[in-house]
Amino acid sequence: MEKSKLTREKKISLYNKLVGTCPGATVKGDTIPYTSLNGHMYSFLSKQDEMTLKLPADEREKFIAKYKTRLAENYGVVQKEYVVVPDSLLEKTGELKKYFAMSYDYVSSLKPKPTTRTRKS
């Protein structure tokens, strides 16, 4: 993949704009911005400044082929459900938002993960 012309700050700004297109989605995390629902993370901006998106298997392969990208890899581990979003697509919020919504819908269909935090009463 080519070296990005976008700064981390610009990517964070574009990521926040994208998340804003999906009602119910909110950005969490200070150093690694991410979104999650019911304990499932579905997008994040990695330390390598790559935006990643969790997609269902059938859409994952189509996305990789269409945008000539790959599965995400962090800390030497391939994350088989996550694709790397090319910077050129990150800059096209209108085109990318359908994939973000697809990711949100996908995790909405997953069984919630149990929380490890104790709730305050």
PDB file of N, CA and C in Angstrom:
ATOM      1  N   MET A   1       0.842  -1.187   0.000  1.00  0.00           N
ATOM      2  CA  MET A   1       0.000   0.000   0.000  1.00  0.00           C
ATOM      3  C   MET A   1       0.885   1.247   0.000  1.00  0.00           C
ATOM      4  N   GLU A   2       0.390   2.271  -0.627  1.00  0.00           N
ATOM      5  CA  GLU A   2       1.168   3.494  -0.734  1.00  0.00           C
ATOM      6  C   GLU A   2       1.200   4.258   0.583  1.00  0.00           C
ATOM      7  N   LYS A   3       2.218   5.057   0.741  1.00  0.00           N
ATOM      8  CA  LYS A   3       2.353   5.888   1.934  1.00  0.00           C
ATOM      9  C   LYS A   3       1.280   6.970   1.904  1.00  0.00           C
ATOM     10  N   SER A   4       0.644   7.175   3.036  1.00  0.00           N
ATOM     11  CA  SER A   4      -0.457   8.127   3.118  1.00  0.00           C
ATOM     12  C   SER A   4       0.014   9.573   3.060  1.00  0.00           C
ATOM     13  N   LYS A   5      -0.796  10.392   2.409  1.00  0.00           N
ATOM     14  CA  LYS A   5      -0.550  11.827   2.390  1.00  0.00           C
ATOM     15  C   LYS A   5      -1.327  12.504   3.514  1.00  0.00           C
ATOM     16  N   LEU A   6      -2.219  11.740   4.156  1.00  0.00           N
ATOM     17  CA  LEU A   6      -3.054  12.298   5.218  1.00  0.00           C
ATOM     18  C   LEU A   6      -2.331  12.240   6.561  1.00  0.00           C
ATOM     19  N   THR A   7      -2.441  13.313   7.324  1.00  0.00           N
ATOM     20  CA  THR A   7      -1.867  13.311   8.671  1.00  0.00           C
ATOM     21  C   THR A   7      -2.802  12.537   9.600  1.00  0.00           C
ATOM     22  N   ARG A   8      -2.297  12.140  10.749  1.00  0.00           N
ATOM     23  CA  ARG A   8      -3.135  11.440  11.723  1.00  0.00           C
ATOM     24  C   ARG A   8      -4.324  12.326  12.126  1.00  0.00           C
ATOM     25  N   GLU A   9      -4.073  13.608  12.319  1.00  0.00           N
ATOM     26  CA  GLU A   9      -5.137  14.537  12.712  1.00  0.00           C
ATOM     27  C   GLU A   9      -6.240  14.581  11.653  1.00  0.00           C
ATOM     28  N   LYS A  10      -5.854  14.595  10.380  1.00  0.00           N
ATOM     29  CA  LYS A  10      -6.831  14.623   9.287  1.00  0.00           C
ATOM     30  C   LYS A  10      -7.626  13.316   9.268  1.00  0.00           C
ATOM     31  N   LYS A  11      -6.926  12.197   9.485  1.00  0.00           N
ATOM     32  CA  LYS A  11      -7.614  10.901   9.508  1.00  0.00           C
ATOM     33  C   LYS A  11      -8.614  10.836  10.657  1.00  0.00           C
ATOM     34  N   ILE A  12      -8.231  11.353  11.818  1.00  0.00           N
ATOM     35  CA  ILE A  12      -9.143  11.372  12.971  1.00  0.00           C
ATOM     36  C   ILE A  12     -10.361  12.224  12.641  1.00  0.00           C
ATOM     37  N   SER A  13     -10.132  13.354  11.996  1.00  0.00           N
ATOM     38  CA  SER A  13     -11.238  14.235  11.604  1.00  0.00           C
ATOM     39  C   SER A  13     -12.180  13.527  10.627  1.00  0.00           C
ATOM     40  N   LEU A  14     -11.619  12.847   9.625  1.00  0.00           N
ATOM     41  CA  LEU A  14     -12.436  12.108   8.652  1.00  0.00           C
ATOM     42  C   LEU A  14     -13.168  10.950   9.327  1.00  0.00           C
ATOM     43  N   TYR A  15     -12.495  10.281  10.259  1.00  0.00           N
ATOM     44  CA  TYR A  15     -13.102   9.167  10.991  1.00  0.00           C
ATOM     45  C   TYR A  15     -14.295   9.668  11.814  1.00  0.00           C
ATOM     46  N   ASN A  16     -14.107  10.771  12.518  1.00  0.00           N
ATOM     47  CA  ASN A  16     -15.196  11.356  13.311  1.00  0.00           C
ATOM     48  C   ASN A  16     -16.372  11.762  12.423  1.00  0.00           C
ATOM     49  N   LYS A  17     -16.078  12.309  11.253  1.00  0.00           N
ATOM     50  CA  LYS A  17     -17.124  12.696  10.304  1.00  0.00           C
ATOM     51  C   LYS A  17     -17.902  11.453   9.863  1.00  0.00           C
ATOM     52  N   LEU A  18     -17.183  10.365   9.573  1.00  0.00           N
ATOM     53  CA  LEU A  18     -17.819   9.121   9.157  1.00  0.00           C
ATOM     54  C   LEU A  18     -18.718   8.566  10.257  1.00  0.00           C
ATOM     55  N   VAL A  19     -18.211   8.515  11.481  1.00  0.00           N
ATOM     56  CA  VAL A  19     -18.995   7.985  12.597  1.00  0.00           C
ATOM     57  C   VAL A  19     -20.261   8.816  12.790  1.00  0.00           C
ATOM     58  N   GLY A  20     -20.165  10.098  12.551  1.00  0.00           N
ATOM     59  CA  GLY A  20     -21.313  10.989  12.667  1.00  0.00           C
ATOM     60  C   GLY A  20     -22.433  10.704  11.678  1.00  0.00           C
ATOM     61  N   THR A  21     -22.158   9.911  10.626  1.00  0.00           N
ATOM     62  CA  THR A  21     -23.191   9.590   9.638  1.00  0.00           C
ATOM     63  C   THR A  21     -24.096   8.456  10.098  1.00  0.00           C
ATOM     64  N   CYS A  22     -23.736   7.792  11.207  1.00  0.00           N
ATOM     65  CA  CYS A  22     -24.490   6.622  11.662  1.00  0.00           C
ATOM     66  C   CYS A  22     -25.144   6.921  13.015  1.00  0.00           C
ATOM     67  N   PRO A  23     -26.468   7.095  13.038  1.00  0.00           N
ATOM     68  CA  PRO A  23     -27.142   7.347  14.311  1.00  0.00           C
ATOM     69  C   PRO A  23     -26.862   6.217  15.301  1.00  0.00           C
ATOM     70  N   GLY A  24     -26.513   6.588  16.510  1.00  0.00           N
ATOM     71  CA  GLY A  24     -26.226   5.583  17.536  1.00  0.00           C
ATOM     72  C   GLY A  24     -24.752   5.252  17.690  1.00  0.00           C
ATOM     73  N   ALA A  25     -23.933   5.616  16.705  1.00  0.00           N
ATOM     74  CA  ALA A  25     -22.495   5.332  16.777  1.00  0.00           C
ATOM     75  C   ALA A  25     -21.775   6.489  17.451  1.00  0.00           C
ATOM     76  N   THR A  26     -20.839   6.164  18.337  1.00  0.00           N
ATOM     77  CA  THR A  26     -20.029   7.191  18.990  1.00  0.00           C
ATOM     78  C   THR A  26     -18.574   6.747  19.032  1.00  0.00           C
ATOM     79  N   VAL A  27     -17.690   7.717  18.914  1.00  0.00           N
ATOM     80  CA  VAL A  27     -16.255   7.436  18.972  1.00  0.00           C
ATOM     81  C   VAL A  27     -15.842   7.322  20.431  1.00  0.00           C
ATOM     82  N   LYS A  28     -15.080   6.277  20.733  1.00  0.00           N
ATOM     83  CA  LYS A  28     -14.544   6.064  22.072  1.00  0.00           C
ATOM     84  C   LYS A  28     -13.025   6.011  21.955  1.00  0.00           C
ATOM     85  N   GLY A  29     -12.340   6.010  23.088  1.00  0.00           N
ATOM     86  CA  GLY A  29     -10.884   5.871  23.081  1.00  0.00           C
ATOM     87  C   GLY A  29     -10.172   7.187  22.883  1.00  0.00           C
ATOM     88  N   ASP A  30      -9.062   7.340  23.600  1.00  0.00           N
ATOM     89  CA  ASP A  30      -8.277   8.571  23.508  1.00  0.00           C
ATOM     90  C   ASP A  30      -7.142   8.440  22.493  1.00  0.00           C
ATOM     91  N   THR A  31      -6.287   7.437  22.670  1.00  0.00           N
ATOM     92  CA  THR A  31      -5.151   7.292  21.763  1.00  0.00           C
ATOM     93  C   THR A  31      -5.503   6.483  20.524  1.00  0.00           C
ATOM     94  N   ILE A  32      -6.407   5.532  20.665  1.00  0.00           N
ATOM     95  CA  ILE A  32      -6.873   4.722  19.534  1.00  0.00           C
ATOM     96  C   ILE A  32      -8.386   4.940  19.405  1.00  0.00           C
ATOM     97  N   PRO A  33      -8.807   5.850  18.525  1.00  0.00           N
ATOM     98  CA  PRO A  33     -10.253   6.067  18.354  1.00  0.00           C
ATOM     99  C   PRO A  33     -10.916   4.795  17.819  1.00  0.00           C
ATOM    100  N   TYR A  34     -12.065   4.436  18.388  1.00  0.00           N
ATOM    101  CA  TYR A  34     -12.775   3.233  17.949  1.00  0.00           C
ATOM    102  C   TYR A  34     -14.265   3.374  18.197  1.00  0.00           C
ATOM    103  N   THR A  35     -15.020   2.447  17.583  1.00  0.00           N
ATOM    104  CA  THR A  35     -16.452   2.349  17.846  1.00  0.00           C
ATOM    105  C   THR A  35     -16.738   0.923  18.285  1.00  0.00           C
ATOM    106  N   SER A  36     -17.700   0.782  19.187  1.00  0.00           N
ATOM    107  CA  SER A  36     -18.103  -0.563  19.615  1.00  0.00           C
ATOM    108  C   SER A  36     -19.581  -0.548  19.971  1.00  0.00           C
ATOM    109  N   LEU A  37     -20.166  -1.742  19.921  1.00  0.00           N
ATOM    110  CA  LEU A  37     -21.576  -1.915  20.241  1.00  0.00           C
ATOM    111  C   LEU A  37     -21.731  -3.275  20.895  1.00  0.00           C
ATOM    112  N   ASN A  38     -22.372  -3.308  22.049  1.00  0.00           N
ATOM    113  CA  ASN A  38     -22.591  -4.557  22.785  1.00  0.00           C
ATOM    114  C   ASN A  38     -21.297  -5.347  23.017  1.00  0.00           C
ATOM    115  N   GLY A  39     -20.204  -4.631  23.241  1.00  0.00           N
ATOM    116  CA  GLY A  39     -18.929  -5.285  23.522  1.00  0.00           C
ATOM    117  C   GLY A  39     -18.140  -5.697  22.296  1.00  0.00           C
ATOM    118  N   HIS A  40     -18.641  -5.391  21.112  1.00  0.00           N
ATOM    119  CA  HIS A  40     -17.956  -5.742  19.868  1.00  0.00           C
ATOM    120  C   HIS A  40     -17.417  -4.473  19.207  1.00  0.00           C
ATOM    121  N   MET A  41     -16.100  -4.391  19.044  1.00  0.00           N
ATOM    122  CA  MET A  41     -15.513  -3.272  18.325  1.00  0.00           C
ATOM    123  C   MET A  41     -15.780  -3.492  16.838  1.00  0.00           C
ATOM    124  N   TYR A  42     -16.161  -2.441  16.120  1.00  0.00           N
ATOM    125  CA  TYR A  42     -16.435  -2.607  14.698  1.00  0.00           C
ATOM    126  C   TYR A  42     -15.681  -1.645  13.797  1.00  0.00           C
ATOM    127  N   SER A  43     -14.969  -0.715  14.362  1.00  0.00           N
ATOM    128  CA  SER A  43     -14.072   0.126  13.564  1.00  0.00           C
ATOM    129  C   SER A  43     -13.060   0.758  14.510  1.00  0.00           C
ATOM    130  N   PHE A  44     -11.894   1.052  13.968  1.00  0.00           N
ATOM    131  CA  PHE A  44     -10.905   1.786  14.754  1.00  0.00           C
ATOM    132  C   PHE A  44      -9.835   2.366  13.848  1.00  0.00           C
ATOM    133  N   LEU A  45      -9.096   3.318  14.403  1.00  0.00           N
ATOM    134  CA  LEU A  45      -7.951   3.916  13.726  1.00  0.00           C
ATOM    135  C   LEU A  45      -6.725   3.410  14.470  1.00  0.00           C
ATOM    136  N   SER A  46      -5.940   2.555  13.825  1.00  0.00           N
ATOM    137  CA  SER A  46      -4.829   1.875  14.482  1.00  0.00           C
ATOM    138  C   SER A  46      -3.657   2.809  14.775  1.00  0.00           C
ATOM    139  N   LYS A  47      -2.698   2.299  15.541  1.00  0.00           N
ATOM    140  CA  LYS A  47      -1.486   3.059  15.831  1.00  0.00           C
ATOM    141  C   LYS A  47      -0.691   3.313  14.555  1.00  0.00           C
ATOM    142  N   GLN A  48      -0.916   2.468  13.550  1.00  0.00           N
ATOM    143  CA  GLN A  48      -0.256   2.646  12.249  1.00  0.00           C
ATOM    144  C   GLN A  48      -1.042   3.611  11.362  1.00  0.00           C
ATOM    145  N   ASP A  49      -2.042   4.266  11.940  1.00  0.00           N
ATOM    146  CA  ASP A  49      -2.884   5.236  11.229  1.00  0.00           C
ATOM    147  C   ASP A  49      -3.682   4.605  10.095  1.00  0.00           C
ATOM    148  N   GLU A  50      -4.112   3.358  10.287  1.00  0.00           N
ATOM    149  CA  GLU A  50      -4.967   2.709   9.305  1.00  0.00           C
ATOM    150  C   GLU A  50      -6.369   2.603   9.882  1.00  0.00           C
ATOM    151  N   MET A  51      -7.352   3.037   9.102  1.00  0.00           N
ATOM    152  CA  MET A  51      -8.726   2.851   9.540  1.00  0.00           C
ATOM    153  C   MET A  51      -9.136   1.433   9.185  1.00  0.00           C
ATOM    154  N   THR A  52      -9.729   0.735  10.142  1.00  0.00           N
ATOM    155  CA  THR A  52     -10.171  -0.634   9.907  1.00  0.00           C
ATOM    156  C   THR A  52     -11.660  -0.743  10.208  1.00  0.00           C
ATOM    157  N   LEU A  53     -12.287  -1.696   9.533  1.00  0.00           N
ATOM    158  CA  LEU A  53     -13.729  -1.866   9.611  1.00  0.00           C
ATOM    159  C   LEU A  53     -14.048  -3.349   9.686  1.00  0.00           C
ATOM    160  N   LYS A  54     -14.925  -3.716  10.603  1.00  0.00           N
ATOM    161  CA  LYS A  54     -15.352  -5.111  10.742  1.00  0.00           C
ATOM    162  C   LYS A  54     -16.534  -5.340   9.800  1.00  0.00           C
ATOM    163  N   LEU A  55     -16.376  -6.304   8.903  1.00  0.00           N
ATOM    164  CA  LEU A  55     -17.436  -6.586   7.937  1.00  0.00           C
ATOM    165  C   LEU A  55     -17.801  -8.065   7.964  1.00  0.00           C
ATOM    166  N   PRO A  56     -19.056  -8.391   7.586  1.00  0.00           N
ATOM    167  CA  PRO A  56     -19.424  -9.808   7.488  1.00  0.00           C
ATOM    168  C   PRO A  56     -18.620 -10.469   6.370  1.00  0.00           C
ATOM    169  N   ALA A  57     -18.416 -11.784   6.469  1.00  0.00           N
ATOM    170  CA  ALA A  57     -17.546 -12.528   5.550  1.00  0.00           C
ATOM    171  C   ALA A  57     -17.839 -12.271   4.079  1.00  0.00           C
ATOM    172  N   ASP A  58     -19.106 -12.316   3.673  1.00  0.00           N
ATOM    173  CA  ASP A  58     -19.434 -12.146   2.255  1.00  0.00           C
ATOM    174  C   ASP A  58     -19.066 -10.756   1.745  1.00  0.00           C
ATOM    175  N   GLU A  59     -19.228  -9.744   2.564  1.00  0.00           N
ATOM    176  CA  GLU A  59     -18.903  -8.375   2.156  1.00  0.00           C
ATOM    177  C   GLU A  59     -17.404  -8.088   2.253  1.00  0.00           C
ATOM    178  N   ARG A  60     -16.735  -8.767   3.156  1.00  0.00           N
ATOM    179  CA  ARG A  60     -15.300  -8.567   3.364  1.00  0.00           C
ATOM    180  C   ARG A  60     -14.516  -8.839   2.076  1.00  0.00           C
ATOM    181  N   GLU A  61     -14.783  -9.980   1.445  1.00  0.00           N
ATOM    182  CA  GLU A  61     -14.062 -10.351   0.228  1.00  0.00           C
ATOM    183  C   GLU A  61     -14.350  -9.376  -0.918  1.00  0.00           C
ATOM    184  N   LYS A  62     -15.605  -8.957  -1.040  1.00  0.00           N
ATOM    185  CA  LYS A  62     -15.971  -7.989  -2.083  1.00  0.00           C
ATOM    186  C   LYS A  62     -15.249  -6.663  -1.858  1.00  0.00           C
ATOM    187  N   PHE A  63     -15.198  -6.215  -0.601  1.00  0.00           N
ATOM    188  CA  PHE A  63     -14.555  -4.955  -0.254  1.00  0.00           C
ATOM    189  C   PHE A  63     -13.066  -5.005  -0.589  1.00  0.00           C
ATOM    190  N   ILE A  64     -12.410  -6.116  -0.211  1.00  0.00           N
ATOM    191  CA  ILE A  64     -10.971  -6.272  -0.464  1.00  0.00           C
ATOM    192  C   ILE A  64     -10.692  -6.224  -1.967  1.00  0.00           C
ATOM    193  N   ALA A  65     -11.518  -6.912  -2.754  1.00  0.00           N
ATOM    194  CA  ALA A  65     -11.331  -6.929  -4.206  1.00  0.00           C
ATOM    195  C   ALA A  65     -11.607  -5.555  -4.829  1.00  0.00           C
ATOM    196  N   LYS A  66     -12.701  -4.940  -4.422  1.00  0.00           N
ATOM    197  CA  LYS A  66     -13.097  -3.651  -5.011  1.00  0.00           C
ATOM    198  C   LYS A  66     -12.088  -2.545  -4.721  1.00  0.00           C
ATOM    199  N   TYR A  67     -11.596  -2.486  -3.477  1.00  0.00           N
ATOM    200  CA  TYR A  67     -10.715  -1.383  -3.082  1.00  0.00           C
ATOM    201  C   TYR A  67      -9.242  -1.775  -3.032  1.00  0.00           C
ATOM    202  N   LYS A  68      -8.926  -2.976  -3.527  1.00  0.00           N
ATOM    203  CA  LYS A  68      -7.535  -3.455  -3.585  1.00  0.00           C
ATOM    204  C   LYS A  68      -6.827  -3.252  -2.248  1.00  0.00           C
ATOM    205  N   THR A  69      -7.448  -3.795  -1.200  1.00  0.00           N
ATOM    206  CA  THR A  69      -6.901  -3.650   0.141  1.00  0.00           C
ATOM    207  C   THR A  69      -6.667  -5.030   0.740  1.00  0.00           C
ATOM    208  N   ARG A  70      -6.599  -5.122   2.045  1.00  0.00           N
ATOM    209  CA  ARG A  70      -6.264  -6.380   2.716  1.00  0.00           C
ATOM    210  C   ARG A  70      -6.928  -6.451   4.080  1.00  0.00           C
ATOM    211  N   LEU A  71      -6.768  -7.625   4.712  1.00  0.00           N
ATOM    212  CA  LEU A  71      -7.225  -7.772   6.090  1.00  0.00           C
ATOM    213  C   LEU A  71      -6.306  -6.947   6.989  1.00  0.00           C
ATOM    214  N   ALA A  72      -6.846  -6.466   8.096  1.00  0.00           N
ATOM    215  CA  ALA A  72      -6.061  -5.677   9.039  1.00  0.00           C
ATOM    216  C   ALA A  72      -5.093  -6.576   9.800  1.00  0.00           C
ATOM    217  N   GLU A  73      -3.961  -6.011  10.162  1.00  0.00           N
ATOM    218  CA  GLU A  73      -2.969  -6.728  10.967  1.00  0.00           C
ATOM    219  C   GLU A  73      -2.475  -5.784  12.051  1.00  0.00           C
ATOM    220  N   ASN A  74      -2.550  -6.240  13.298  1.00  0.00           N
ATOM    221  CA  ASN A  74      -2.068  -5.440  14.419  1.00  0.00           C
ATOM    222  C   ASN A  74      -1.270  -6.319  15.356  1.00  0.00           C
ATOM    223  N   TYR A  75      -0.125  -5.812  15.784  1.00  0.00           N
ATOM    224  CA  TYR A  75       0.770  -6.542  16.683  1.00  0.00           C
ATOM    225  C   TYR A  75       1.126  -7.911  16.112  1.00  0.00           C
ATOM    226  N   GLY A  76       1.292  -7.980  14.771  1.00  0.00           N
ATOM    227  CA  GLY A  76       1.683  -9.213  14.113  1.00  0.00           C
ATOM    228  C   GLY A  76       0.577 -10.239  13.951  1.00  0.00           C
ATOM    229  N   VAL A  77      -0.654  -9.874  14.304  1.00  0.00           N
ATOM    230  CA  VAL A  77      -1.782 -10.803  14.214  1.00  0.00           C
ATOM    231  C   VAL A  77      -2.762 -10.296  13.148  1.00  0.00           C
ATOM    232  N   VAL A  78      -3.103 -11.183  12.208  1.00  0.00           N
ATOM    233  CA  VAL A  78      -4.101 -10.826  11.193  1.00  0.00           C
ATOM    234  C   VAL A  78      -5.476 -10.888  11.839  1.00  0.00           C
ATOM    235  N   GLN A  79      -6.208  -9.810  11.704  1.00  0.00           N
ATOM    236  CA  GLN A  79      -7.567  -9.733  12.260  1.00  0.00           C
ATOM    237  C   GLN A  79      -8.532 -10.083  11.134  1.00  0.00           C
ATOM    238  N   LYS A  80      -8.966 -11.358  11.130  1.00  0.00           N
ATOM    239  CA  LYS A  80      -9.680 -11.899   9.980  1.00  0.00           C
ATOM    240  C   LYS A  80     -11.039 -11.282   9.693  1.00  0.00           C
ATOM    241  N   GLU A  81     -11.620 -10.564  10.617  1.00  0.00           N
ATOM    242  CA  GLU A  81     -12.918  -9.939  10.353  1.00  0.00           C
ATOM    243  C   GLU A  81     -12.798  -8.464   9.967  1.00  0.00           C
ATOM    244  N   TYR A  82     -11.580  -7.926  10.009  1.00  0.00           N
ATOM    245  CA  TYR A  82     -11.380  -6.496   9.768  1.00  0.00           C
ATOM    246  C   TYR A  82     -10.628  -6.232   8.464  1.00  0.00           C
ATOM    247  N   VAL A  83     -11.110  -5.268   7.710  1.00  0.00           N
ATOM    248  CA  VAL A  83     -10.436  -4.839   6.486  1.00  0.00           C
ATOM    249  C   VAL A  83      -9.817  -3.467   6.711  1.00  0.00           C
ATOM    250  N   VAL A  84      -8.727  -3.195   6.008  1.00  0.00           N
ATOM    251  CA  VAL A  84      -8.105  -1.879   6.043  1.00  0.00           C
ATOM    252  C   VAL A  84      -8.817  -0.999   5.022  1.00  0.00           C
ATOM    253  N   VAL A  85      -9.241   0.167   5.457  1.00  0.00           N
ATOM    254  CA  VAL A  85      -9.908   1.132   4.574  1.00  0.00           C
ATOM    255  C   VAL A  85      -8.827   2.010   3.943  1.00  0.00           C
ATOM    256  N   PRO A  86      -8.705   1.974   2.619  1.00  0.00           N
ATOM    257  CA  PRO A  86      -7.700   2.830   1.972  1.00  0.00           C
ATOM    258  C   PRO A  86      -7.983   4.311   2.260  1.00  0.00           C
ATOM    259  N   ASP A  87      -6.918   5.100   2.374  1.00  0.00           N
ATOM    260  CA  ASP A  87      -7.079   6.532   2.652  1.00  0.00           C
ATOM    261  C   ASP A  87      -7.944   7.217   1.597  1.00  0.00           C
ATOM    262  N   SER A  88      -7.806   6.770   0.345  1.00  0.00           N
ATOM    263  CA  SER A  88      -8.597   7.393  -0.729  1.00  0.00           C
ATOM    264  C   SER A  88     -10.098   7.202  -0.483  1.00  0.00           C
ATOM    265  N   LEU A  89     -10.471   6.082   0.130  1.00  0.00           N
ATOM    266  CA  LEU A  89     -11.881   5.840   0.463  1.00  0.00           C
ATOM    267  C   LEU A  89     -12.269   6.579   1.748  1.00  0.00           C
ATOM    268  N   LEU A  90     -11.363   6.666   2.701  1.00  0.00           N
ATOM    269  CA  LEU A  90     -11.634   7.398   3.943  1.00  0.00           C
ATOM    270  C   LEU A  90     -11.989   8.851   3.631  1.00  0.00           C
ATOM    271  N   GLU A  91     -11.411   9.368   2.571  1.00  0.00           N
ATOM    272  CA  GLU A  91     -11.697  10.752   2.167  1.00  0.00           C
ATOM    273  C   GLU A  91     -13.062  10.897   1.500  1.00  0.00           C
ATOM    274  N   LYS A  92     -13.705   9.776   1.148  1.00  0.00           N
ATOM    275  CA  LYS A  92     -15.011   9.800   0.475  1.00  0.00           C
ATOM    276  C   LYS A  92     -16.093   9.326   1.448  1.00  0.00           C
ATOM    277  N   THR A  93     -16.441  10.176   2.387  1.00  0.00           N
ATOM    278  CA  THR A  93     -17.412   9.821   3.425  1.00  0.00           C
ATOM    279  C   THR A  93     -18.709   9.288   2.832  1.00  0.00           C
ATOM    280  N   GLY A  94     -19.183   9.906   1.755  1.00  0.00           N
ATOM    281  CA  GLY A  94     -20.438   9.484   1.135  1.00  0.00           C
ATOM    282  C   GLY A  94     -20.396   8.042   0.643  1.00  0.00           C
ATOM    283  N   GLU A  95     -19.259   7.631   0.107  1.00  0.00           N
ATOM    284  CA  GLU A  95     -19.113   6.266  -0.401  1.00  0.00           C
ATOM    285  C   GLU A  95     -18.850   5.272   0.739  1.00  0.00           C
ATOM    286  N   LEU A  96     -18.080   5.701   1.719  1.00  0.00           N
ATOM    287  CA  LEU A  96     -17.689   4.817   2.819  1.00  0.00           C
ATOM    288  C   LEU A  96     -18.807   4.589   3.832  1.00  0.00           C
ATOM    289  N   LYS A  97     -19.741   5.540   3.946  1.00  0.00           N
ATOM    290  CA  LYS A  97     -20.744   5.432   5.009  1.00  0.00           C
ATOM    291  C   LYS A  97     -21.629   4.198   4.877  1.00  0.00           C
ATOM    292  N   LYS A  98     -21.840   3.683   3.665  1.00  0.00           N
ATOM    293  CA  LYS A  98     -22.654   2.468   3.523  1.00  0.00           C
ATOM    294  C   LYS A  98     -21.930   1.261   4.134  1.00  0.00           C
ATOM    295  N   TYR A  99     -20.609   1.237   4.037  1.00  0.00           N
ATOM    296  CA  TYR A  99     -19.839   0.144   4.638  1.00  0.00           C
ATOM    297  C   TYR A  99     -19.798   0.280   6.159  1.00  0.00           C
ATOM    298  N   PHE A 100     -19.736   1.530   6.618  1.00  0.00           N
ATOM    299  CA  PHE A 100     -19.757   1.762   8.062  1.00  0.00           C
ATOM    300  C   PHE A 100     -21.104   1.316   8.635  1.00  0.00           C
ATOM    301  N   ALA A 101     -22.190   1.653   7.949  1.00  0.00           N
ATOM    302  CA  ALA A 101     -23.534   1.237   8.382  1.00  0.00           C
ATOM    303  C   ALA A 101     -23.652  -0.287   8.342  1.00  0.00           C
ATOM    304  N   MET A 102     -23.050  -0.900   7.333  1.00  0.00           N
ATOM    305  CA  MET A 102     -23.056  -2.359   7.209  1.00  0.00           C
ATOM    306  C   MET A 102     -22.326  -2.984   8.407  1.00  0.00           C
ATOM    307  N   SER A 103     -21.224  -2.376   8.799  1.00  0.00           N
ATOM    308  CA  SER A 103     -20.450  -2.849   9.940  1.00  0.00           C
ATOM    309  C   SER A 103     -21.268  -2.725  11.230  1.00  0.00           C
ATOM    310  N   TYR A 104     -21.933  -1.592  11.398  1.00  0.00           N
ATOM    311  CA  TYR A 104     -22.786  -1.347  12.565  1.00  0.00           C
ATOM    312  C   TYR A 104     -23.912  -2.384  12.621  1.00  0.00           C
ATOM    313  N   ASP A 105     -24.544  -2.620  11.476  1.00  0.00           N
ATOM    314  CA  ASP A 105     -25.627  -3.607  11.415  1.00  0.00           C
ATOM    315  C   ASP A 105     -25.114  -5.012  11.721  1.00  0.00           C
ATOM    316  N   TYR A 106     -23.921  -5.311  11.230  1.00  0.00           N
ATOM    317  CA  TYR A 106     -23.320  -6.632  11.455  1.00  0.00           C
ATOM    318  C   TYR A 106     -23.108  -6.875  12.948  1.00  0.00           C
ATOM    319  N   VAL A 107     -22.498  -5.928  13.656  1.00  0.00           N
ATOM    320  CA  VAL A 107     -22.269  -6.149  15.094  1.00  0.00           C
ATOM    321  C   VAL A 107     -23.570  -6.083  15.885  1.00  0.00           C
ATOM    322  N   SER A 108     -24.559  -5.371  15.357  1.00  0.00           N
ATOM    323  CA  SER A 108     -25.870  -5.339  16.020  1.00  0.00           C
ATOM    324  C   SER A 108     -26.496  -6.730  16.048  1.00  0.00           C
ATOM    325  N   SER A 109     -26.150  -7.557  15.043  1.00  0.00           N
ATOM    326  CA  SER A 109     -26.726  -8.894  14.939  1.00  0.00           C
ATOM    327  C   SER A 109     -25.983  -9.924  15.798  1.00  0.00           C
ATOM    328  N   LEU A 110     -24.819  -9.550  16.329  1.00  0.00           N
ATOM    329  CA  LEU A 110     -24.026 -10.474  17.144  1.00  0.00           C
ATOM    330  C   LEU A 110     -24.523 -10.499  18.580  1.00  0.00           C
ATOM    331  N   LYS A 111     -24.333 -11.631  19.230  1.00  0.00           N
ATOM    332  CA  LYS A 111     -24.712 -11.774  20.638  1.00  0.00           C
ATOM    333  C   LYS A 111     -23.849 -10.826  21.474  1.00  0.00           C
ATOM    334  N   PRO A 112     -24.453 -10.038  22.365  1.00  0.00           N
ATOM    335  CA  PRO A 112     -23.664  -9.119  23.192  1.00  0.00           C
ATOM    336  C   PRO A 112     -22.626  -9.875  24.023  1.00  0.00           C
ATOM    337  N   LYS A 113     -21.447  -9.247  24.135  1.00  0.00           N
ATOM    338  CA  LYS A 113     -20.408  -9.839  24.978  1.00  0.00           C
ATOM    339  C   LYS A 113     -20.696  -9.447  26.416  1.00  0.00           C
ATOM    340  N   PRO A 114     -20.445 -10.367  27.369  1.00  0.00           N
ATOM    341  CA  PRO A 114     -20.663 -10.000  28.773  1.00  0.00           C
ATOM    342  C   PRO A 114     -19.689  -8.919  29.197  1.00  0.00           C
ATOM    343  N   THR A 115     -20.158  -8.027  30.013  1.00  0.00           N
ATOM    344  CA  THR A 115     -19.302  -6.932  30.479  1.00  0.00           C
ATOM    345  C   THR A 115     -18.435  -7.401  31.641  1.00  0.00           C
ATOM    346  N   THR A 116     -17.219  -6.872  31.693  1.00  0.00           N
ATOM    347  CA  THR A 116     -16.318  -7.219  32.799  1.00  0.00           C
ATOM    348  C   THR A 116     -16.347  -6.158  33.884  1.00  0.00           C
ATOM    349  N   ARG A 117     -16.864  -5.002  33.554  1.00  0.00           N
ATOM    350  CA  ARG A 117     -16.952  -3.911  34.521  1.00  0.00           C
ATOM    351  C   ARG A 117     -18.162  -4.096  35.417  1.00  0.00           C
ATOM    352  N   THR A 118     -18.009  -3.776  36.674  1.00  0.00           N
ATOM    353  CA  THR A 118     -19.168  -3.846  37.566  1.00  0.00           C
ATOM    354  C   THR A 118     -19.947  -2.556  37.397  1.00  0.00           C
ATOM    355  N   ARG A 119     -21.238  -2.679  37.423  1.00  0.00           N
ATOM    356  CA  ARG A 119     -22.092  -1.508  37.248  1.00  0.00           C
ATOM    357  C   ARG A 119     -22.339  -0.849  38.593  1.00  0.00           C
ATOM    358  N   LYS A 120     -22.386   0.470  38.549  1.00  0.00           N
ATOM    359  CA  LYS A 120     -22.699   1.238  39.760  1.00  0.00           C
ATOM    360  C   LYS A 120     -24.221   1.291  39.893  1.00  0.00           C
ATOM    361  N   SER A 121     -24.692   1.106  41.104  1.00  0.00           N
ATOM    362  CA  SER A 121     -26.153   1.146  41.260  1.00  0.00           C
ATOM    363  C   SER A 121     -26.647   2.512  41.657  1.00  0.00           C
TER     364      SER A 121
END
